[in-house]
């Protein structure tokens, strides 16, 4: 291991855990199920009320 100053070790520690937390949040966000009321689902399906 290279000899780093204690401040650099603290920086690496924070950087590592920040990366772990960000990746886990991104995985959680992509797997999240969106719960919507029925009105919102119908409104999303019915985009245009005019039949052109």
PDB file of N, CA and C in Angstrom:
ATOM      1  N   UNK A   1       0.843  -1.192   0.000  1.00  0.00           N
ATOM      2  CA  UNK A   1       0.000   0.000   0.000  1.00  0.00           C
ATOM      3  C   UNK A   1       0.883   1.249   0.000  1.00  0.00           C
ATOM      4  N   UNK A   2       0.500   2.222  -0.780  1.00  0.00           N
ATOM      5  CA  UNK A   2       1.290   3.455  -0.770  1.00  0.00           C
ATOM      6  C   UNK A   2       1.089   4.209   0.542  1.00  0.00           C
ATOM      7  N   UNK A   3       2.065   4.998   0.878  1.00  0.00           N
ATOM      8  CA  UNK A   3       1.956   5.791   2.096  1.00  0.00           C
ATOM      9  C   UNK A   3       1.197   7.075   1.780  1.00  0.00           C
ATOM     10  N   UNK A   4       0.001   7.151   2.317  1.00  0.00           N
ATOM     11  CA  UNK A   4      -0.827   8.331   2.107  1.00  0.00           C
ATOM     12  C   UNK A   4      -0.999   9.056   3.434  1.00  0.00           C
ATOM     13  N   UNK A   5      -1.263  10.331   3.297  1.00  0.00           N
ATOM     14  CA  UNK A   5      -1.525  11.101   4.515  1.00  0.00           C
ATOM     15  C   UNK A   5      -2.891  10.686   5.074  1.00  0.00           C
ATOM     16  N   UNK A   6      -3.086  10.874   6.375  1.00  0.00           N
ATOM     17  CA  UNK A   6      -4.385  10.515   6.966  1.00  0.00           C
ATOM     18  C   UNK A   6      -5.558  11.230   6.298  1.00  0.00           C
ATOM     19  N   UNK A   7      -5.348  12.444   5.840  1.00  0.00           N
ATOM     20  CA  UNK A   7      -6.427  13.163   5.156  1.00  0.00           C
ATOM     21  C   UNK A   7      -6.816  12.459   3.857  1.00  0.00           C
ATOM     22  N   UNK A   8      -5.825  11.930   3.142  1.00  0.00           N
ATOM     23  CA  UNK A   8      -6.133  11.196   1.909  1.00  0.00           C
ATOM     24  C   UNK A   8      -6.857   9.890   2.206  1.00  0.00           C
ATOM     25  N   UNK A   9      -6.504   9.204   3.296  1.00  0.00           N
ATOM     26  CA  UNK A   9      -7.220   7.984   3.662  1.00  0.00           C
ATOM     27  C   UNK A   9      -8.671   8.287   3.992  1.00  0.00           C
ATOM     28  N   UNK A  10      -8.902   9.396   4.693  1.00  0.00           N
ATOM     29  CA  UNK A  10     -10.275   9.791   5.017  1.00  0.00           C
ATOM     30  C   UNK A  10     -11.042  10.112   3.737  1.00  0.00           C
ATOM     31  N   UNK A  11     -10.380  10.814   2.815  1.00  0.00           N
ATOM     32  CA  UNK A  11     -11.013  11.140   1.534  1.00  0.00           C
ATOM     33  C   UNK A  11     -11.365   9.873   0.759  1.00  0.00           C
ATOM     34  N   UNK A  12     -10.448   8.912   0.701  1.00  0.00           N
ATOM     35  CA  UNK A  12     -10.730   7.660  -0.006  1.00  0.00           C
ATOM     36  C   UNK A  12     -11.861   6.886   0.655  1.00  0.00           C
ATOM     37  N   UNK A  13     -11.901   6.887   1.981  1.00  0.00           N
ATOM     38  CA  UNK A  13     -12.966   6.208   2.714  1.00  0.00           C
ATOM     39  C   UNK A  13     -14.326   6.817   2.373  1.00  0.00           C
ATOM     40  N   UNK A  14     -14.404   8.152   2.397  1.00  0.00           N
ATOM     41  CA  UNK A  14     -15.662   8.833   2.081  1.00  0.00           C
ATOM     42  C   UNK A  14     -16.041   8.605   0.621  1.00  0.00           C
ATOM     43  N   UNK A  15     -15.072   8.673  -0.272  1.00  0.00           N
ATOM     44  CA  UNK A  15     -15.336   8.465  -1.694  1.00  0.00           C
ATOM     45  C   UNK A  15     -15.867   7.056  -1.968  1.00  0.00           C
ATOM     46  N   UNK A  16     -15.270   6.060  -1.316  1.00  0.00           N
ATOM     47  CA  UNK A  16     -15.708   4.678  -1.500  1.00  0.00           C
ATOM     48  C   UNK A  16     -17.156   4.494  -1.049  1.00  0.00           C
ATOM     49  N   UNK A  17     -17.481   4.980   0.161  1.00  0.00           N
ATOM     50  CA  UNK A  17     -18.841   4.774   0.664  1.00  0.00           C
ATOM     51  C   UNK A  17     -19.851   5.618  -0.098  1.00  0.00           C
ATOM     52  N   UNK A  18     -19.450   6.765  -0.593  1.00  0.00           N
ATOM     53  CA  UNK A  18     -20.359   7.564  -1.426  1.00  0.00           C
ATOM     54  C   UNK A  18     -20.676   6.823  -2.722  1.00  0.00           C
ATOM     55  N   UNK A  19     -19.676   6.181  -3.315  1.00  0.00           N
ATOM     56  CA  UNK A  19     -19.914   5.409  -4.541  1.00  0.00           C
ATOM     57  C   UNK A  19     -20.824   4.223  -4.266  1.00  0.00           C
ATOM     58  N   UNK A  20     -20.610   3.526  -3.137  1.00  0.00           N
ATOM     59  CA  UNK A  20     -21.460   2.383  -2.788  1.00  0.00           C
ATOM     60  C   UNK A  20     -22.897   2.840  -2.591  1.00  0.00           C
ATOM     61  N   UNK A  21     -23.090   3.940  -1.886  1.00  0.00           N
ATOM     62  CA  UNK A  21     -24.450   4.434  -1.633  1.00  0.00           C
ATOM     63  C   UNK A  21     -25.116   4.882  -2.929  1.00  0.00           C
ATOM     64  N   UNK A  22     -24.385   5.578  -3.792  1.00  0.00           N
ATOM     65  CA  UNK A  22     -24.971   6.052  -5.052  1.00  0.00           C
ATOM     66  C   UNK A  22     -25.371   4.883  -5.945  1.00  0.00           C
ATOM     67  N   UNK A  23     -24.520   3.863  -6.035  1.00  0.00           N
ATOM     68  CA  UNK A  23     -24.851   2.696  -6.868  1.00  0.00           C
ATOM     69  C   UNK A  23     -26.054   1.961  -6.301  1.00  0.00           C
ATOM     70  N   UNK A  24     -26.125   1.801  -4.988  1.00  0.00           N
ATOM     71  CA  UNK A  24     -27.268   1.094  -4.404  1.00  0.00           C
ATOM     72  C   UNK A  24     -28.558   1.888  -4.588  1.00  0.00           C
ATOM     73  N   UNK A  25     -28.478   3.223  -4.497  1.00  0.00           N
ATOM     74  CA  UNK A  25     -29.670   4.041  -4.743  1.00  0.00           C
ATOM     75  C   UNK A  25     -30.110   3.922  -6.196  1.00  0.00           C
ATOM     76  N   UNK A  26     -29.153   3.900  -7.130  1.00  0.00           N
ATOM     77  CA  UNK A  26     -29.516   3.764  -8.544  1.00  0.00           C
ATOM     78  C   UNK A  26     -30.152   2.409  -8.827  1.00  0.00           C
ATOM     79  N   UNK A  27     -29.642   1.346  -8.206  1.00  0.00           N
ATOM     80  CA  UNK A  27     -30.245   0.021  -8.386  1.00  0.00           C
ATOM     81  C   UNK A  27     -31.649   0.002  -7.793  1.00  0.00           C
ATOM     82  N   UNK A  28     -31.810   0.577  -6.583  1.00  0.00           N
ATOM     83  CA  UNK A  28     -33.130   0.622  -5.954  1.00  0.00           C
ATOM     84  C   UNK A  28     -34.110   1.424  -6.798  1.00  0.00           C
ATOM     85  N   UNK A  29     -33.652   2.544  -7.350  1.00  0.00           N
ATOM     86  CA  UNK A  29     -34.528   3.415  -8.143  1.00  0.00           C
ATOM     87  C   UNK A  29     -34.975   2.704  -9.423  1.00  0.00           C
ATOM     88  N   UNK A  30     -34.087   1.923 -10.027  1.00  0.00           N
ATOM     89  CA  UNK A  30     -34.467   1.245 -11.271  1.00  0.00           C
ATOM     90  C   UNK A  30     -35.410   0.071 -11.007  1.00  0.00           C
ATOM     91  N   UNK A  31     -35.368  -0.526  -9.829  1.00  0.00           N
ATOM     92  CA  UNK A  31     -36.234  -1.661  -9.499  1.00  0.00           C
ATOM     93  C   UNK A  31     -37.532  -1.237  -8.834  1.00  0.00           C
ATOM     94  N   UNK A  32     -37.674   0.071  -8.524  1.00  0.00           N
ATOM     95  CA  UNK A  32     -38.832   0.552  -7.777  1.00  0.00           C
ATOM     96  C   UNK A  32     -40.107   0.383  -8.587  1.00  0.00           C
ATOM     97  N   UNK A  33     -41.169  -0.054  -7.929  1.00  0.00           N
ATOM     98  CA  UNK A  33     -42.474  -0.193  -8.575  1.00  0.00           C
ATOM     99  C   UNK A  33     -43.228   1.116  -8.358  1.00  0.00           C
ATOM    100  N   UNK A  34     -43.742   1.668  -9.438  1.00  0.00           N
ATOM    101  CA  UNK A  34     -44.487   2.914  -9.326  1.00  0.00           C
ATOM    102  C   UNK A  34     -45.949   2.599  -9.059  1.00  0.00           C
ATOM    103  N   UNK A  35     -46.451   3.050  -7.931  1.00  0.00           N
ATOM    104  CA  UNK A  35     -47.849   2.879  -7.594  1.00  0.00           C
ATOM    105  C   UNK A  35     -48.583   4.150  -7.965  1.00  0.00           C
ATOM    106  N   UNK A  36     -49.558   4.010  -8.894  1.00  0.00           N
ATOM    107  CA  UNK A  36     -50.320   5.160  -9.341  1.00  0.00           C
ATOM    108  C   UNK A  36     -51.800   4.882  -9.163  1.00  0.00           C
ATOM    109  N   UNK A  37     -52.580   5.907  -8.876  1.00  0.00           N
ATOM    110  CA  UNK A  37     -54.026   5.714  -8.844  1.00  0.00           C
ATOM    111  C   UNK A  37     -54.559   5.406 -10.242  1.00  0.00           C
ATOM    112  N   UNK A  38     -55.756   4.831 -10.280  1.00  0.00           N
ATOM    113  CA  UNK A  38     -56.331   4.445 -11.571  1.00  0.00           C
ATOM    114  C   UNK A  38     -56.560   5.651 -12.480  1.00  0.00           C
ATOM    115  N   UNK A  39     -56.903   6.794 -11.900  1.00  0.00           N
ATOM    116  CA  UNK A  39     -57.133   7.989 -12.721  1.00  0.00           C
ATOM    117  C   UNK A  39     -55.872   8.371 -13.488  1.00  0.00           C
ATOM    118  N   UNK A  40     -54.733   8.280 -12.821  1.00  0.00           N
ATOM    119  CA  UNK A  40     -53.485   8.655 -13.481  1.00  0.00           C
ATOM    120  C   UNK A  40     -53.158   7.702 -14.613  1.00  0.00           C
ATOM    121  N   UNK A  41     -53.419   6.398 -14.394  1.00  0.00           N
ATOM    122  CA  UNK A  41     -53.151   5.424 -15.461  1.00  0.00           C
ATOM    123  C   UNK A  41     -54.032   5.694 -16.668  1.00  0.00           C
ATOM    124  N   UNK A  42     -55.314   5.974 -16.423  1.00  0.00           N
ATOM    125  CA  UNK A  42     -56.219   6.253 -17.542  1.00  0.00           C
ATOM    126  C   UNK A  42     -55.826   7.540 -18.249  1.00  0.00           C
ATOM    127  N   UNK A  43     -55.402   8.520 -17.473  1.00  0.00           N
ATOM    128  CA  UNK A  43     -54.994   9.790 -18.084  1.00  0.00           C
ATOM    129  C   UNK A  43     -53.740   9.602 -18.930  1.00  0.00           C
ATOM    130  N   UNK A  44     -52.854   8.718 -18.494  1.00  0.00           N
ATOM    131  CA  UNK A  44     -51.649   8.481 -19.280  1.00  0.00           C
ATOM    132  C   UNK A  44     -51.982   7.731 -20.572  1.00  0.00           C
ATOM    133  N   UNK A  45     -52.920   6.800 -20.495  1.00  0.00           N
ATOM    134  CA  UNK A  45     -53.288   6.051 -21.696  1.00  0.00           C
ATOM    135  C   UNK A  45     -54.067   6.931 -22.674  1.00  0.00           C
ATOM    136  N   UNK A  46     -54.910   7.799 -22.141  1.00  0.00           N
ATOM    137  CA  UNK A  46     -55.726   8.667 -22.992  1.00  0.00           C
ATOM    138  C   UNK A  46     -54.976   9.977 -23.191  1.00  0.00           C
ATOM    139  N   UNK A  47     -54.110  10.004 -24.195  1.00  0.00           N
ATOM    140  CA  UNK A  47     -53.275  11.176 -24.403  1.00  0.00           C
ATOM    141  C   UNK A  47     -53.990  12.260 -25.191  1.00  0.00           C
ATOM    142  N   UNK A  48     -54.734  11.853 -26.203  1.00  0.00           N
ATOM    143  CA  UNK A  48     -55.359  12.839 -27.086  1.00  0.00           C
ATOM    144  C   UNK A  48     -56.843  12.516 -27.181  1.00  0.00           C
ATOM    145  N   UNK A  49     -57.692  13.470 -26.767  1.00  0.00           N
ATOM    146  CA  UNK A  49     -59.126  13.191 -26.804  1.00  0.00           C
ATOM    147  C   UNK A  49     -59.718  13.419 -28.195  1.00  0.00           C
ATOM    148  N   UNK A  50     -58.991  14.067 -29.076  1.00  0.00           N
ATOM    149  CA  UNK A  50     -59.489  14.315 -30.432  1.00  0.00           C
ATOM    150  C   UNK A  50     -59.066  13.169 -31.348  1.00  0.00           C
ATOM    151  N   UNK A  51     -60.020  12.622 -32.083  1.00  0.00           N
ATOM    152  CA  UNK A  51     -59.725  11.534 -33.028  1.00  0.00           C
ATOM    153  C   UNK A  51     -59.462  12.113 -34.403  1.00  0.00           C
ATOM    154  N   UNK A  52     -58.238  12.387 -34.694  1.00  0.00           N
ATOM    155  CA  UNK A  52     -57.869  12.995 -35.971  1.00  0.00           C
ATOM    156  C   UNK A  52     -57.527  11.910 -36.952  1.00  0.00           C
TER     157      UNK A  52
END
